């Protein structure tokens, strides 16, 4: 594949979430592990990011996730820190840590991890708003290049967050 053909960041989704957050005067914070800061980098690259992006944390291991994001260490040990509950706790924890309206949490694998008997890389994500999970689920990708998988996860999260905040703004208008 020619590197000129690779789209690293979904600019359309990034613009949608930027516009929605600024128009609604709301903020966003990110907690990530598998994407290792790429989601924060993407969001920070948006025009006027300082108007809505509170910041983020890359917590790569159980100790840091428990200390900073208050995930349950007993549950985390049972799943190698990779589960939908961990992603949800990360999203809620980062909202609290950064005093943010919205929080995104993502945890998973960008390569096949033989110790957990996995066939393809996967991640769990969660999107929180005002101490409530608005969306969560899993992402899977068959690619065998970790960096491309990480960018896939980033773009999926940007798209899902843009859709989630779009739905929230519609429901506010209809209330």
C-alpha atoms as a PDB file:
ATOM      1  CA  UNK A   1       0.000   0.000   0.000  1.00  0.00           C
ATOM      2  CA  UNK A   2       1.293   3.457  -0.897  1.00  0.00           C
ATOM      3  CA  UNK A   3       1.613   5.631   2.206  1.00  0.00           C
ATOM      4  CA  UNK A   4      -0.019   8.497   0.303  1.00  0.00           C
ATOM      5  CA  UNK A   5      -3.237   6.422   0.263  1.00  0.00           C
ATOM      6  CA  UNK A   6      -3.343   6.023   4.055  1.00  0.00           C
ATOM      7  CA  UNK A   7      -5.773   8.307   5.886  1.00  0.00           C
ATOM      8  CA  UNK A   8      -4.554   8.611   9.439  1.00  0.00           C
ATOM      9  CA  UNK A   9      -7.329  10.676  11.017  1.00  0.00           C
ATOM     10  CA  UNK A  10     -11.006  10.890  10.037  1.00  0.00           C
ATOM     11  CA  UNK A  11     -11.132  14.673   9.662  1.00  0.00           C
ATOM     12  CA  UNK A  12     -14.878  14.692   9.005  1.00  0.00           C
ATOM     13  CA  UNK A  13     -15.686  12.958  12.298  1.00  0.00           C
ATOM     14  CA  UNK A  14     -13.160  15.151  14.103  1.00  0.00           C
ATOM     15  CA  UNK A  15     -14.804  18.296  12.712  1.00  0.00           C
ATOM     16  CA  UNK A  16     -18.273  17.023  13.664  1.00  0.00           C
ATOM     17  CA  UNK A  17     -17.321  16.351  17.269  1.00  0.00           C
ATOM     18  CA  UNK A  18     -15.387  19.628  17.516  1.00  0.00           C
ATOM     19  CA  UNK A  19     -18.352  21.617  16.241  1.00  0.00           C
ATOM     20  CA  UNK A  20     -20.835  19.852  18.508  1.00  0.00           C
ATOM     21  CA  UNK A  21     -18.688  20.270  21.626  1.00  0.00           C
ATOM     22  CA  UNK A  22     -18.012  23.951  20.974  1.00  0.00           C
ATOM     23  CA  UNK A  23     -21.653  24.694  20.076  1.00  0.00           C
ATOM     24  CA  UNK A  24     -22.865  22.946  23.239  1.00  0.00           C
ATOM     25  CA  UNK A  25     -20.104  24.490  25.372  1.00  0.00           C
ATOM     26  CA  UNK A  26     -19.017  21.037  26.558  1.00  0.00           C
ATOM     27  CA  UNK A  27     -15.672  19.421  27.243  1.00  0.00           C
ATOM     28  CA  UNK A  28     -14.009  16.099  26.502  1.00  0.00           C
ATOM     29  CA  UNK A  29     -11.258  14.048  28.154  1.00  0.00           C
ATOM     30  CA  UNK A  30      -9.716  10.758  27.037  1.00  0.00           C
ATOM     31  CA  UNK A  31      -8.323   7.688  28.834  1.00  0.00           C
ATOM     32  CA  UNK A  32      -6.532   5.250  26.595  1.00  0.00           C
ATOM     33  CA  UNK A  33      -4.145   2.359  26.652  1.00  0.00           C
ATOM     34  CA  UNK A  34      -4.159   0.406  23.365  1.00  0.00           C
ATOM     35  CA  UNK A  35      -4.060   3.590  21.271  1.00  0.00           C
ATOM     36  CA  UNK A  36      -1.137   4.907  23.360  1.00  0.00           C
ATOM     37  CA  UNK A  37      -1.980   8.597  23.053  1.00  0.00           C
ATOM     38  CA  UNK A  38      -3.013   8.611  19.378  1.00  0.00           C
ATOM     39  CA  UNK A  39      -6.615   9.473  20.240  1.00  0.00           C
ATOM     40  CA  UNK A  40      -5.440  12.434  22.316  1.00  0.00           C
ATOM     41  CA  UNK A  41      -3.166  13.513  19.463  1.00  0.00           C
ATOM     42  CA  UNK A  42      -6.030  13.329  16.961  1.00  0.00           C
ATOM     43  CA  UNK A  43      -8.391  15.348  19.153  1.00  0.00           C
ATOM     44  CA  UNK A  44      -5.712  17.910  20.011  1.00  0.00           C
ATOM     45  CA  UNK A  45      -5.089  18.427  16.285  1.00  0.00           C
ATOM     46  CA  UNK A  46      -8.620  19.817  15.811  1.00  0.00           C
ATOM     47  CA  UNK A  47      -8.939  23.539  15.240  1.00  0.00           C
ATOM     48  CA  UNK A  48      -9.630  25.340  18.548  1.00  0.00           C
ATOM     49  CA  UNK A  49      -9.122  22.116  20.534  1.00  0.00           C
ATOM     50  CA  UNK A  50      -8.347  24.140  23.653  1.00  0.00           C
ATOM     51  CA  UNK A  51     -11.993  25.270  23.684  1.00  0.00           C
ATOM     52  CA  UNK A  52     -13.265  21.739  24.332  1.00  0.00           C
ATOM     53  CA  UNK A  53     -10.426  19.269  24.987  1.00  0.00           C
ATOM     54  CA  UNK A  54      -9.526  19.014  28.667  1.00  0.00           C
ATOM     55  CA  UNK A  55      -6.723  16.502  28.098  1.00  0.00           C
ATOM     56  CA  UNK A  56      -6.135  12.850  28.610  1.00  0.00           C
ATOM     57  CA  UNK A  57      -4.167  10.060  30.143  1.00  0.00           C
ATOM     58  CA  UNK A  58      -2.435   7.060  28.676  1.00  0.00           C
ATOM     59  CA  UNK A  59      -2.618   4.405  31.377  1.00  0.00           C
ATOM     60  CA  UNK A  60      -0.954   1.309  30.035  1.00  0.00           C
ATOM     61  CA  UNK A  61      -1.057  -1.022  33.018  1.00  0.00           C
ATOM     62  CA  UNK A  62      -3.310  -2.116  35.845  1.00  0.00           C
ATOM     63  CA  UNK A  63      -1.524  -0.072  38.513  1.00  0.00           C
ATOM     64  CA  UNK A  64      -1.908   3.205  36.651  1.00  0.00           C
ATOM     65  CA  UNK A  65      -5.505   2.494  35.624  1.00  0.00           C
ATOM     66  CA  UNK A  66      -6.409   1.740  39.242  1.00  0.00           C
ATOM     67  CA  UNK A  67      -4.497   4.710  40.675  1.00  0.00           C
ATOM     68  CA  UNK A  68      -5.639   7.421  38.260  1.00  0.00           C
ATOM     69  CA  UNK A  69      -8.932   6.135  36.844  1.00  0.00           C
ATOM     70  CA  UNK A  70     -10.193   4.099  39.816  1.00  0.00           C
ATOM     71  CA  UNK A  71     -10.788   0.863  37.934  1.00  0.00           C
ATOM     72  CA  UNK A  72     -11.445  -2.194  40.058  1.00  0.00           C
ATOM     73  CA  UNK A  73      -8.078  -3.991  40.340  1.00  0.00           C
ATOM     74  CA  UNK A  74      -9.639  -7.356  41.189  1.00  0.00           C
ATOM     75  CA  UNK A  75     -11.721  -7.324  38.000  1.00  0.00           C
ATOM     76  CA  UNK A  76      -8.759  -5.943  36.032  1.00  0.00           C
ATOM     77  CA  UNK A  77      -6.568  -8.875  37.089  1.00  0.00           C
ATOM     78  CA  UNK A  78      -9.137 -11.367  35.787  1.00  0.00           C
ATOM     79  CA  UNK A  79      -9.117  -9.902  32.271  1.00  0.00           C
ATOM     80  CA  UNK A  80      -5.621  -8.459  31.813  1.00  0.00           C
ATOM     81  CA  UNK A  81      -7.200  -4.963  32.075  1.00  0.00           C
ATOM     82  CA  UNK A  82      -9.179  -5.529  28.861  1.00  0.00           C
ATOM     83  CA  UNK A  83     -12.971  -5.640  29.143  1.00  0.00           C
ATOM     84  CA  UNK A  84     -15.990  -3.492  28.432  1.00  0.00           C
ATOM     85  CA  UNK A  85     -16.249  -2.739  32.166  1.00  0.00           C
ATOM     86  CA  UNK A  86     -12.640  -1.514  32.236  1.00  0.00           C
ATOM     87  CA  UNK A  87     -13.323   0.782  29.253  1.00  0.00           C
ATOM     88  CA  UNK A  88     -16.459   2.090  30.971  1.00  0.00           C
ATOM     89  CA  UNK A  89     -14.608   2.706  34.234  1.00  0.00           C
ATOM     90  CA  UNK A  90     -11.853   4.472  32.293  1.00  0.00           C
ATOM     91  CA  UNK A  91     -14.384   6.760  30.558  1.00  0.00           C
ATOM     92  CA  UNK A  92     -16.094   7.617  33.840  1.00  0.00           C
ATOM     93  CA  UNK A  93     -12.781   7.996  35.647  1.00  0.00           C
ATOM     94  CA  UNK A  94     -11.325  10.394  33.094  1.00  0.00           C
ATOM     95  CA  UNK A  95     -14.440  12.588  33.298  1.00  0.00           C
ATOM     96  CA  UNK A  96     -13.842  12.897  37.027  1.00  0.00           C
ATOM     97  CA  UNK A  97     -10.066  13.301  36.714  1.00  0.00           C
ATOM     98  CA  UNK A  98     -10.343  16.153  34.192  1.00  0.00           C
ATOM     99  CA  UNK A  99     -13.706  17.652  35.310  1.00  0.00           C
ATOM    100  CA  UNK A 100     -15.060  16.987  31.840  1.00  0.00           C
ATOM    101  CA  UNK A 101     -18.601  16.611  30.496  1.00  0.00           C
ATOM    102  CA  UNK A 102     -17.622  13.757  28.174  1.00  0.00           C
ATOM    103  CA  UNK A 103     -15.097  10.970  28.588  1.00  0.00           C
ATOM    104  CA  UNK A 104     -13.797   8.299  26.267  1.00  0.00           C
ATOM    105  CA  UNK A 105     -12.098   5.121  27.471  1.00  0.00           C
ATOM    106  CA  UNK A 106     -10.389   2.544  25.271  1.00  0.00           C
ATOM    107  CA  UNK A 107      -8.413  -0.563  26.185  1.00  0.00           C
ATOM    108  CA  UNK A 108      -7.413  -3.612  24.187  1.00  0.00           C
ATOM    109  CA  UNK A 109      -4.812  -5.168  21.946  1.00  0.00           C
ATOM    110  CA  UNK A 110      -3.156  -3.947  18.738  1.00  0.00           C
ATOM    111  CA  UNK A 111      -1.436  -7.290  18.190  1.00  0.00           C
ATOM    112  CA  UNK A 112      -2.407 -10.891  18.748  1.00  0.00           C
ATOM    113  CA  UNK A 113      -1.621 -11.789  22.344  1.00  0.00           C
ATOM    114  CA  UNK A 114      -0.996 -15.518  22.551  1.00  0.00           C
ATOM    115  CA  UNK A 115      -1.138 -15.593  26.365  1.00  0.00           C
ATOM    116  CA  UNK A 116      -4.874 -14.789  26.261  1.00  0.00           C
ATOM    117  CA  UNK A 117      -5.668 -17.207  23.401  1.00  0.00           C
ATOM    118  CA  UNK A 118      -6.792 -14.533  20.952  1.00  0.00           C
ATOM    119  CA  UNK A 119      -7.279 -14.969  17.200  1.00  0.00           C
ATOM    120  CA  UNK A 120      -7.339 -11.283  16.204  1.00  0.00           C
ATOM    121  CA  UNK A 121      -6.700  -7.940  17.906  1.00  0.00           C
ATOM    122  CA  UNK A 122      -9.644  -6.286  19.628  1.00  0.00           C
ATOM    123  CA  UNK A 123     -10.452  -3.387  21.899  1.00  0.00           C
ATOM    124  CA  UNK A 124     -13.266  -2.204  24.120  1.00  0.00           C
ATOM    125  CA  UNK A 125     -14.382   1.403  24.191  1.00  0.00           C
ATOM    126  CA  UNK A 126     -16.837   3.468  26.191  1.00  0.00           C
ATOM    127  CA  UNK A 127     -18.215   6.971  25.906  1.00  0.00           C
ATOM    128  CA  UNK A 128     -19.490   8.638  29.072  1.00  0.00           C
ATOM    129  CA  UNK A 129     -21.521  11.800  29.509  1.00  0.00           C
ATOM    130  CA  UNK A 130     -22.261  13.360  32.892  1.00  0.00           C
ATOM    131  CA  UNK A 131     -21.366  10.199  34.851  1.00  0.00           C
ATOM    132  CA  UNK A 132     -23.416   7.900  32.620  1.00  0.00           C
ATOM    133  CA  UNK A 133     -22.257   5.540  29.882  1.00  0.00           C
ATOM    134  CA  UNK A 134     -23.798   6.637  26.579  1.00  0.00           C
ATOM    135  CA  UNK A 135     -22.151   4.046  24.309  1.00  0.00           C
ATOM    136  CA  UNK A 136     -19.799   1.108  24.714  1.00  0.00           C
ATOM    137  CA  UNK A 137     -18.758  -1.948  22.799  1.00  0.00           C
ATOM    138  CA  UNK A 138     -15.950  -3.748  21.081  1.00  0.00           C
ATOM    139  CA  UNK A 139     -13.835  -3.129  18.007  1.00  0.00           C
ATOM    140  CA  UNK A 140     -12.101  -5.817  15.967  1.00  0.00           C
ATOM    141  CA  UNK A 141      -9.643  -5.641  13.124  1.00  0.00           C
ATOM    142  CA  UNK A 142      -7.894  -8.312  11.073  1.00  0.00           C
ATOM    143  CA  UNK A 143      -4.921  -6.136  10.083  1.00  0.00           C
ATOM    144  CA  UNK A 144      -1.539  -7.432  11.196  1.00  0.00           C
ATOM    145  CA  UNK A 145       0.220  -4.074  11.546  1.00  0.00           C
ATOM    146  CA  UNK A 146      -0.219  -2.662  15.067  1.00  0.00           C
ATOM    147  CA  UNK A 147       0.053   1.008  14.027  1.00  0.00           C
ATOM    148  CA  UNK A 148      -2.702   0.609  11.426  1.00  0.00           C
ATOM    149  CA  UNK A 149      -4.881  -1.154  13.991  1.00  0.00           C
ATOM    150  CA  UNK A 150      -4.343   1.720  16.435  1.00  0.00           C
ATOM    151  CA  UNK A 151      -5.386   4.259  13.792  1.00  0.00           C
ATOM    152  CA  UNK A 152      -8.401   2.111  12.937  1.00  0.00           C
ATOM    153  CA  UNK A 153      -9.434   2.201  16.606  1.00  0.00           C
ATOM    154  CA  UNK A 154      -8.904   5.987  16.767  1.00  0.00           C
ATOM    155  CA  UNK A 155     -11.067   6.611  13.704  1.00  0.00           C
ATOM    156  CA  UNK A 156     -13.806   4.262  14.883  1.00  0.00           C
ATOM    157  CA  UNK A 157     -13.905   6.094  18.232  1.00  0.00           C
ATOM    158  CA  UNK A 158     -13.996   9.511  16.529  1.00  0.00           C
ATOM    159  CA  UNK A 159     -16.898   8.352  14.351  1.00  0.00           C
ATOM    160  CA  UNK A 160     -18.801   6.764  17.230  1.00  0.00           C
ATOM    161  CA  UNK A 161     -18.277   9.776  19.461  1.00  0.00           C
ATOM    162  CA  UNK A 162     -19.423  12.158  16.691  1.00  0.00           C
ATOM    163  CA  UNK A 163     -22.566  10.025  16.273  1.00  0.00           C
ATOM    164  CA  UNK A 164     -23.162   9.849  20.036  1.00  0.00           C
ATOM    165  CA  UNK A 165     -22.829  13.582  20.612  1.00  0.00           C
ATOM    166  CA  UNK A 166     -24.990  14.177  17.530  1.00  0.00           C
ATOM    167  CA  UNK A 167     -27.734  11.993  19.019  1.00  0.00           C
ATOM    168  CA  UNK A 168     -27.431  13.824  22.338  1.00  0.00           C
ATOM    169  CA  UNK A 169     -27.865  17.218  20.671  1.00  0.00           C
ATOM    170  CA  UNK A 170     -30.943  15.950  18.777  1.00  0.00           C
ATOM    171  CA  UNK A 171     -32.516  14.676  22.008  1.00  0.00           C
ATOM    172  CA  UNK A 172     -31.861  18.011  23.728  1.00  0.00           C
ATOM    173  CA  UNK A 173     -33.574  19.883  20.861  1.00  0.00           C
ATOM    174  CA  UNK A 174     -36.570  17.547  21.054  1.00  0.00           C
ATOM    175  CA  UNK A 175     -36.963  17.857  24.846  1.00  0.00           C
END
